[in-house]
Amino acid sequence: MKEVVAALIRNGDGRFLICQRPSYKARGLLWEFVGGKVEEGESKRDALIRECKEELDVTVEVGDVFAEVTHRYPDIDIHLTLFNAAVTDGTLRLIEHNAVAWITPDMIDDYEFCPADVEILKKIKSDFNA
């Protein structure tokens, strides 16, 4: 089981950040939250800070856990922890992803997400609209 972390970054007007995977990677062109695999000896929070810097060239402050899911893909089993996070420094730059978008919960169905994110997206729709 691979530990994976991701960031739920909100912009203050009800939108949150999603990223489109590059076409050459597994699950290419699907949408996801910024993040990635936790390396050996690394904490989940440190991994998320590193991944956000590597993928978007921003520094984030990692908050509490928003959701956790376990998902089995044909090529990998993952345990995904999605943290609330905020950008504290830098301007979003496409380093790893094909595109980024700021969306509201009612726009979720307009994007094709990685299957591991489905339960998280249901929670976002529920929590954001509460």
N, C-alpha and C. Protein backbone atom coordinates (compact mmCIF):
# COMPACT_ATOMS: atom_id res chain seq x y z
N MET A 1 0.86 -1.18 0.00
CA MET A 1 0.00 0.00 0.00
C MET A 1 0.90 1.24 0.00
N LYS A 2 0.71 2.08 -0.98
CA LYS A 2 1.51 3.30 -1.11
C LYS A 2 0.79 4.46 -0.42
N GLU A 3 1.53 5.18 0.42
CA GLU A 3 0.97 6.38 1.07
C GLU A 3 1.08 7.55 0.11
N VAL A 4 -0.06 8.23 -0.10
CA VAL A 4 -0.13 9.37 -1.00
C VAL A 4 -0.80 10.52 -0.25
N VAL A 5 -0.31 11.73 -0.49
CA VAL A 5 -0.90 12.92 0.14
C VAL A 5 -1.33 13.90 -0.94
N ALA A 6 -2.31 14.73 -0.60
CA ALA A 6 -2.78 15.74 -1.53
C ALA A 6 -3.30 16.94 -0.74
N ALA A 7 -3.41 18.08 -1.45
CA ALA A 7 -3.80 19.34 -0.82
C ALA A 7 -5.15 19.82 -1.33
N LEU A 8 -6.02 20.17 -0.40
CA LEU A 8 -7.26 20.86 -0.72
C LEU A 8 -7.00 22.34 -0.47
N ILE A 9 -6.70 23.05 -1.56
CA ILE A 9 -6.36 24.46 -1.48
C ILE A 9 -7.56 25.27 -1.94
N ARG A 10 -8.05 26.14 -1.06
CA ARG A 10 -9.21 26.99 -1.39
C ARG A 10 -8.72 28.42 -1.62
N ASN A 11 -9.48 29.17 -2.42
CA ASN A 11 -9.03 30.53 -2.73
C ASN A 11 -9.83 31.62 -2.04
N GLY A 12 -10.76 31.26 -1.19
CA GLY A 12 -11.49 32.27 -0.43
C GLY A 12 -12.84 32.67 -1.01
N ASP A 13 -13.10 32.31 -2.27
CA ASP A 13 -14.41 32.66 -2.85
C ASP A 13 -15.22 31.41 -3.18
N GLY A 14 -14.96 30.33 -2.45
CA GLY A 14 -15.72 29.10 -2.64
C GLY A 14 -15.13 28.15 -3.67
N ARG A 15 -13.99 28.50 -4.24
CA ARG A 15 -13.35 27.64 -5.23
C ARG A 15 -12.17 26.90 -4.62
N PHE A 16 -11.85 25.76 -5.22
CA PHE A 16 -10.68 25.00 -4.79
C PHE A 16 -9.88 24.57 -6.02
N LEU A 17 -8.62 24.27 -5.79
CA LEU A 17 -7.68 24.01 -6.87
C LEU A 17 -7.67 22.54 -7.27
N ILE A 18 -7.75 22.31 -8.59
CA ILE A 18 -7.56 20.96 -9.13
C ILE A 18 -6.50 21.03 -10.23
N CYS A 19 -5.86 19.91 -10.48
CA CYS A 19 -4.77 19.83 -11.44
C CYS A 19 -5.02 18.68 -12.41
N GLN A 20 -4.67 18.88 -13.66
CA GLN A 20 -4.83 17.83 -14.67
C GLN A 20 -3.51 17.11 -14.87
N ARG A 21 -3.55 15.78 -14.71
CA ARG A 21 -2.35 14.97 -14.85
C ARG A 21 -1.81 15.05 -16.28
N PRO A 22 -0.49 14.96 -16.44
CA PRO A 22 0.07 14.95 -17.79
C PRO A 22 -0.35 13.69 -18.54
N SER A 23 -0.41 13.79 -19.85
CA SER A 23 -0.92 12.69 -20.68
C SER A 23 -0.04 11.45 -20.62
N TYR A 24 1.24 11.60 -20.36
CA TYR A 24 2.17 10.47 -20.40
C TYR A 24 2.20 9.66 -19.10
N LYS A 25 1.50 10.09 -18.07
CA LYS A 25 1.50 9.36 -16.80
C LYS A 25 0.27 8.46 -16.69
N ALA A 26 0.32 7.53 -15.74
CA ALA A 26 -0.86 6.72 -15.44
C ALA A 26 -2.02 7.66 -15.11
N ARG A 27 -3.20 7.29 -15.56
CA ARG A 27 -4.40 8.13 -15.39
C ARG A 27 -4.21 9.51 -16.02
N GLY A 28 -3.52 9.50 -17.16
CA GLY A 28 -3.22 10.73 -17.89
C GLY A 28 -4.46 11.53 -18.25
N LEU A 29 -4.35 12.83 -18.08
CA LEU A 29 -5.36 13.85 -18.37
C LEU A 29 -6.56 13.83 -17.44
N LEU A 30 -6.56 12.95 -16.45
CA LEU A 30 -7.60 13.02 -15.41
C LEU A 30 -7.23 14.13 -14.44
N TRP A 31 -8.24 14.62 -13.73
CA TRP A 31 -8.03 15.70 -12.77
C TRP A 31 -7.83 15.12 -11.38
N GLU A 32 -7.10 15.86 -10.56
CA GLU A 32 -6.75 15.42 -9.20
C GLU A 32 -6.41 16.65 -8.36
N PHE A 33 -6.08 16.38 -7.11
CA PHE A 33 -5.56 17.41 -6.21
C PHE A 33 -4.03 17.35 -6.28
N VAL A 34 -3.38 18.48 -6.10
CA VAL A 34 -1.92 18.49 -6.13
C VAL A 34 -1.40 17.63 -4.97
N GLY A 35 -0.34 16.87 -5.24
CA GLY A 35 0.25 16.03 -4.21
C GLY A 35 1.02 14.89 -4.84
N GLY A 36 1.29 13.87 -4.03
CA GLY A 36 2.04 12.73 -4.54
C GLY A 36 2.42 11.76 -3.45
N LYS A 37 3.35 10.89 -3.78
CA LYS A 37 3.76 9.81 -2.89
C LYS A 37 4.63 10.31 -1.75
N VAL A 38 4.44 9.69 -0.59
CA VAL A 38 5.27 9.96 0.58
C VAL A 38 6.53 9.11 0.45
N GLU A 39 7.67 9.76 0.55
CA GLU A 39 8.94 9.03 0.44
C GLU A 39 9.32 8.42 1.79
N GLU A 40 10.15 7.40 1.76
CA GLU A 40 10.57 6.72 2.98
C GLU A 40 11.23 7.70 3.94
N GLY A 41 10.80 7.66 5.20
CA GLY A 41 11.35 8.52 6.24
C GLY A 41 10.77 9.92 6.26
N GLU A 42 9.80 10.20 5.41
CA GLU A 42 9.21 11.52 5.29
C GLU A 42 7.83 11.51 5.96
N SER A 43 7.49 12.59 6.66
CA SER A 43 6.15 12.70 7.21
C SER A 43 5.18 13.07 6.09
N LYS A 44 3.90 12.80 6.33
CA LYS A 44 2.90 13.16 5.32
C LYS A 44 2.89 14.66 5.05
N ARG A 45 2.99 15.44 6.10
CA ARG A 45 2.98 16.90 5.94
C ARG A 45 4.19 17.38 5.15
N ASP A 46 5.37 16.85 5.49
CA ASP A 46 6.58 17.24 4.76
C ASP A 46 6.49 16.81 3.29
N ALA A 47 5.91 15.65 3.04
CA ALA A 47 5.74 15.17 1.66
C ALA A 47 4.85 16.13 0.88
N LEU A 48 3.79 16.59 1.50
CA LEU A 48 2.87 17.49 0.82
C LEU A 48 3.53 18.84 0.51
N ILE A 49 4.28 19.35 1.45
CA ILE A 49 5.01 20.60 1.21
C ILE A 49 5.99 20.43 0.05
N ARG A 50 6.72 19.32 0.03
CA ARG A 50 7.67 19.03 -1.05
C ARG A 50 6.96 18.91 -2.40
N GLU A 51 5.87 18.13 -2.43
CA GLU A 51 5.15 17.91 -3.68
C GLU A 51 4.58 19.21 -4.26
N CYS A 52 4.03 20.06 -3.42
CA CYS A 52 3.47 21.33 -3.90
C CYS A 52 4.57 22.22 -4.49
N LYS A 53 5.74 22.19 -3.87
CA LYS A 53 6.87 22.97 -4.39
C LYS A 53 7.35 22.38 -5.72
N GLU A 54 7.47 21.05 -5.78
CA GLU A 54 7.94 20.40 -7.00
C GLU A 54 6.96 20.53 -8.16
N GLU A 55 5.67 20.45 -7.88
CA GLU A 55 4.68 20.40 -8.94
C GLU A 55 4.12 21.76 -9.35
N LEU A 56 4.05 22.71 -8.41
CA LEU A 56 3.43 24.01 -8.71
C LEU A 56 4.31 25.20 -8.32
N ASP A 57 5.47 24.95 -7.73
CA ASP A 57 6.39 26.00 -7.31
C ASP A 57 5.78 26.95 -6.28
N VAL A 58 4.97 26.38 -5.37
CA VAL A 58 4.41 27.17 -4.29
C VAL A 58 4.75 26.53 -2.94
N THR A 59 4.79 27.36 -1.93
CA THR A 59 4.96 26.88 -0.56
C THR A 59 3.57 26.85 0.07
N VAL A 60 3.27 25.75 0.76
CA VAL A 60 1.96 25.64 1.41
C VAL A 60 2.12 25.44 2.90
N GLU A 61 1.11 25.90 3.61
CA GLU A 61 0.96 25.60 5.03
C GLU A 61 -0.07 24.48 5.10
N VAL A 62 0.29 23.37 5.72
CA VAL A 62 -0.57 22.20 5.78
C VAL A 62 -1.42 22.25 7.04
N GLY A 63 -2.72 22.14 6.85
CA GLY A 63 -3.66 22.16 7.97
C GLY A 63 -4.07 20.76 8.38
N ASP A 64 -5.33 20.64 8.81
CA ASP A 64 -5.83 19.36 9.29
C ASP A 64 -6.25 18.47 8.12
N VAL A 65 -6.51 17.21 8.44
CA VAL A 65 -6.92 16.24 7.44
C VAL A 65 -8.38 16.51 7.06
N PHE A 66 -8.65 16.61 5.76
CA PHE A 66 -10.02 16.78 5.28
C PHE A 66 -10.68 15.43 5.04
N ALA A 67 -9.92 14.48 4.48
CA ALA A 67 -10.47 13.16 4.18
C ALA A 67 -9.35 12.17 3.94
N GLU A 68 -9.67 10.89 4.13
CA GLU A 68 -8.74 9.80 3.82
C GLU A 68 -9.50 8.72 3.08
N VAL A 69 -8.87 8.15 2.06
CA VAL A 69 -9.48 7.05 1.31
C VAL A 69 -8.40 6.03 0.95
N THR A 70 -8.85 4.80 0.79
CA THR A 70 -8.00 3.74 0.26
C THR A 70 -8.59 3.34 -1.08
N HIS A 71 -7.72 3.20 -2.09
CA HIS A 71 -8.22 2.86 -3.42
C HIS A 71 -7.26 1.88 -4.09
N ARG A 72 -7.85 0.93 -4.81
CA ARG A 72 -7.06 -0.06 -5.56
C ARG A 72 -7.17 0.25 -7.05
N TYR A 73 -6.05 0.65 -7.63
CA TYR A 73 -5.95 0.81 -9.08
C TYR A 73 -5.39 -0.49 -9.64
N PRO A 74 -5.48 -0.71 -10.93
CA PRO A 74 -4.90 -1.94 -11.50
C PRO A 74 -3.39 -2.06 -11.26
N ASP A 75 -2.71 -0.91 -11.17
CA ASP A 75 -1.25 -0.92 -11.04
C ASP A 75 -0.73 -0.58 -9.65
N ILE A 76 -1.60 -0.12 -8.73
CA ILE A 76 -1.12 0.30 -7.41
C ILE A 76 -2.29 0.41 -6.44
N ASP A 77 -2.03 0.09 -5.18
CA ASP A 77 -2.99 0.32 -4.10
C ASP A 77 -2.49 1.54 -3.33
N ILE A 78 -3.40 2.49 -3.09
CA ILE A 78 -2.99 3.71 -2.38
C ILE A 78 -3.85 3.99 -1.17
N HIS A 79 -3.24 4.65 -0.20
CA HIS A 79 -3.95 5.26 0.91
C HIS A 79 -3.71 6.75 0.75
N LEU A 80 -4.78 7.48 0.42
CA LEU A 80 -4.69 8.91 0.13
C LEU A 80 -5.19 9.72 1.31
N THR A 81 -4.36 10.65 1.76
CA THR A 81 -4.75 11.60 2.80
C THR A 81 -4.81 12.98 2.18
N LEU A 82 -5.99 13.58 2.21
CA LEU A 82 -6.18 14.93 1.68
C LEU A 82 -6.19 15.91 2.85
N PHE A 83 -5.24 16.84 2.82
CA PHE A 83 -5.12 17.85 3.87
C PHE A 83 -5.68 19.18 3.38
N ASN A 84 -6.30 19.92 4.29
CA ASN A 84 -6.57 21.32 4.02
C ASN A 84 -5.21 22.01 3.96
N ALA A 85 -5.03 22.91 3.00
CA ALA A 85 -3.74 23.58 2.85
C ALA A 85 -3.96 24.98 2.28
N ALA A 86 -2.98 25.84 2.50
CA ALA A 86 -3.06 27.21 1.99
C ALA A 86 -1.71 27.58 1.40
N VAL A 87 -1.74 28.26 0.26
CA VAL A 87 -0.51 28.75 -0.34
C VAL A 87 -0.02 29.94 0.48
N THR A 88 1.23 29.88 0.92
CA THR A 88 1.80 30.98 1.71
C THR A 88 2.86 31.75 0.95
N ASP A 89 3.36 31.16 -0.15
CA ASP A 89 4.39 31.86 -0.92
C ASP A 89 4.44 31.29 -2.33
N GLY A 90 4.63 32.18 -3.30
CA GLY A 90 4.80 31.75 -4.68
C GLY A 90 3.55 31.97 -5.51
N THR A 91 3.74 31.84 -6.81
CA THR A 91 2.65 31.94 -7.78
C THR A 91 2.57 30.62 -8.51
N LEU A 92 1.37 30.08 -8.64
CA LEU A 92 1.20 28.78 -9.29
C LEU A 92 1.88 28.76 -10.65
N ARG A 93 2.68 27.71 -10.84
CA ARG A 93 3.39 27.51 -12.11
C ARG A 93 3.21 26.06 -12.53
N LEU A 94 2.89 25.83 -13.78
CA LEU A 94 2.72 24.46 -14.28
C LEU A 94 4.09 23.83 -14.50
N ILE A 95 4.48 22.96 -13.59
CA ILE A 95 5.74 22.24 -13.72
C ILE A 95 5.45 20.79 -14.07
N GLU A 96 4.52 20.20 -13.37
CA GLU A 96 4.21 18.77 -13.51
C GLU A 96 2.90 18.53 -14.26
N HIS A 97 1.94 19.39 -14.06
CA HIS A 97 0.59 19.15 -14.58
C HIS A 97 0.36 19.77 -15.96
N ASN A 98 -0.65 19.27 -16.63
CA ASN A 98 -1.07 19.76 -17.94
C ASN A 98 -1.82 21.09 -17.80
N ALA A 99 -2.63 21.21 -16.73
CA ALA A 99 -3.44 22.41 -16.50
C ALA A 99 -3.86 22.45 -15.04
N VAL A 100 -4.30 23.62 -14.59
CA VAL A 100 -4.92 23.77 -13.27
C VAL A 100 -6.22 24.53 -13.46
N ALA A 101 -7.12 24.37 -12.50
CA ALA A 101 -8.39 25.09 -12.54
C ALA A 101 -8.85 25.35 -11.10
N TRP A 102 -9.52 26.46 -10.92
CA TRP A 102 -10.18 26.76 -9.65
C TRP A 102 -11.67 26.52 -9.89
N ILE A 103 -12.23 25.57 -9.16
CA ILE A 103 -13.64 25.22 -9.39
C ILE A 103 -14.44 25.28 -8.10
N THR A 104 -15.75 25.38 -8.27
CA THR A 104 -16.68 25.30 -7.15
C THR A 104 -17.22 23.87 -7.10
N PRO A 105 -17.81 23.48 -5.98
CA PRO A 105 -18.35 22.12 -5.89
C PRO A 105 -19.37 21.80 -6.99
N ASP A 106 -20.15 22.78 -7.42
CA ASP A 106 -21.14 22.49 -8.46
C ASP A 106 -20.52 22.31 -9.84
N MET A 107 -19.22 22.53 -9.97
CA MET A 107 -18.50 22.32 -11.24
C MET A 107 -17.80 20.95 -11.28
N ILE A 108 -17.82 20.20 -10.19
CA ILE A 108 -17.09 18.93 -10.11
C ILE A 108 -17.46 17.99 -11.24
N ASP A 109 -18.74 17.89 -11.55
CA ASP A 109 -19.19 16.94 -12.58
C ASP A 109 -18.74 17.32 -13.99
N ASP A 110 -18.21 18.52 -14.15
CA ASP A 110 -17.71 18.95 -15.46
C ASP A 110 -16.29 18.43 -15.75
N TYR A 111 -15.68 17.79 -14.76
CA TYR A 111 -14.30 17.31 -14.88
C TYR A 111 -14.25 15.81 -14.63
N GLU A 112 -13.33 15.13 -15.31
CA GLU A 112 -13.14 13.70 -15.09
C GLU A 112 -11.96 13.52 -14.13
N PHE A 113 -12.27 13.05 -12.91
CA PHE A 113 -11.28 12.92 -11.86
C PHE A 113 -10.72 11.50 -11.77
N CYS A 114 -9.57 11.39 -11.13
CA CYS A 114 -9.02 10.08 -10.81
C CYS A 114 -10.03 9.34 -9.92
N PRO A 115 -10.20 8.03 -10.12
CA PRO A 115 -11.19 7.28 -9.34
C PRO A 115 -10.98 7.37 -7.81
N ALA A 116 -9.76 7.49 -7.35
CA ALA A 116 -9.52 7.57 -5.90
C ALA A 116 -10.14 8.81 -5.28
N ASP A 117 -10.42 9.83 -6.10
CA ASP A 117 -10.96 11.09 -5.58
C ASP A 117 -12.48 11.12 -5.48
N VAL A 118 -13.17 10.11 -5.98
CA VAL A 118 -14.63 10.14 -6.07
C VAL A 118 -15.29 10.35 -4.70
N GLU A 119 -14.88 9.58 -3.69
CA GLU A 119 -15.49 9.73 -2.36
C GLU A 119 -15.17 11.09 -1.74
N ILE A 120 -13.96 11.56 -1.98
CA ILE A 120 -13.55 12.88 -1.47
C ILE A 120 -14.41 13.97 -2.10
N LEU A 121 -14.65 13.85 -3.39
CA LEU A 121 -15.46 14.86 -4.09
C LEU A 121 -16.89 14.88 -3.56
N LYS A 122 -17.44 13.73 -3.19
CA LYS A 122 -18.77 13.68 -2.58
C LYS A 122 -18.77 14.45 -1.26
N LYS A 123 -17.71 14.28 -0.48
CA LYS A 123 -17.58 14.98 0.80
C LYS A 123 -17.46 16.49 0.57
N ILE A 124 -16.71 16.89 -0.44
CA ILE A 124 -16.58 18.31 -0.75
C ILE A 124 -17.95 18.90 -1.11
N LYS A 125 -18.69 18.20 -1.96
CA LYS A 125 -20.03 18.68 -2.33
C LYS A 125 -20.90 18.83 -1.10
N SER A 126 -20.84 17.87 -0.20
CA SER A 126 -21.65 17.88 1.01
C SER A 126 -21.21 18.98 1.97
N ASP A 127 -19.90 19.04 2.25
CA ASP A 127 -19.38 19.99 3.24
C ASP A 127 -19.42 21.44 2.76
N PHE A 128 -19.09 21.66 1.50
CA PHE A 128 -19.05 23.03 0.98
C PHE A 128 -20.45 23.61 0.85
N ASN A 129 -21.44 22.75 0.61
CA ASN A 129 -22.81 23.23 0.41
C ASN A 129 -23.62 23.20 1.69
N ALA A 130 -23.00 22.82 2.79
CA ALA A 130 -23.72 22.72 4.08
C ALA A 130 -23.99 24.09 4.64
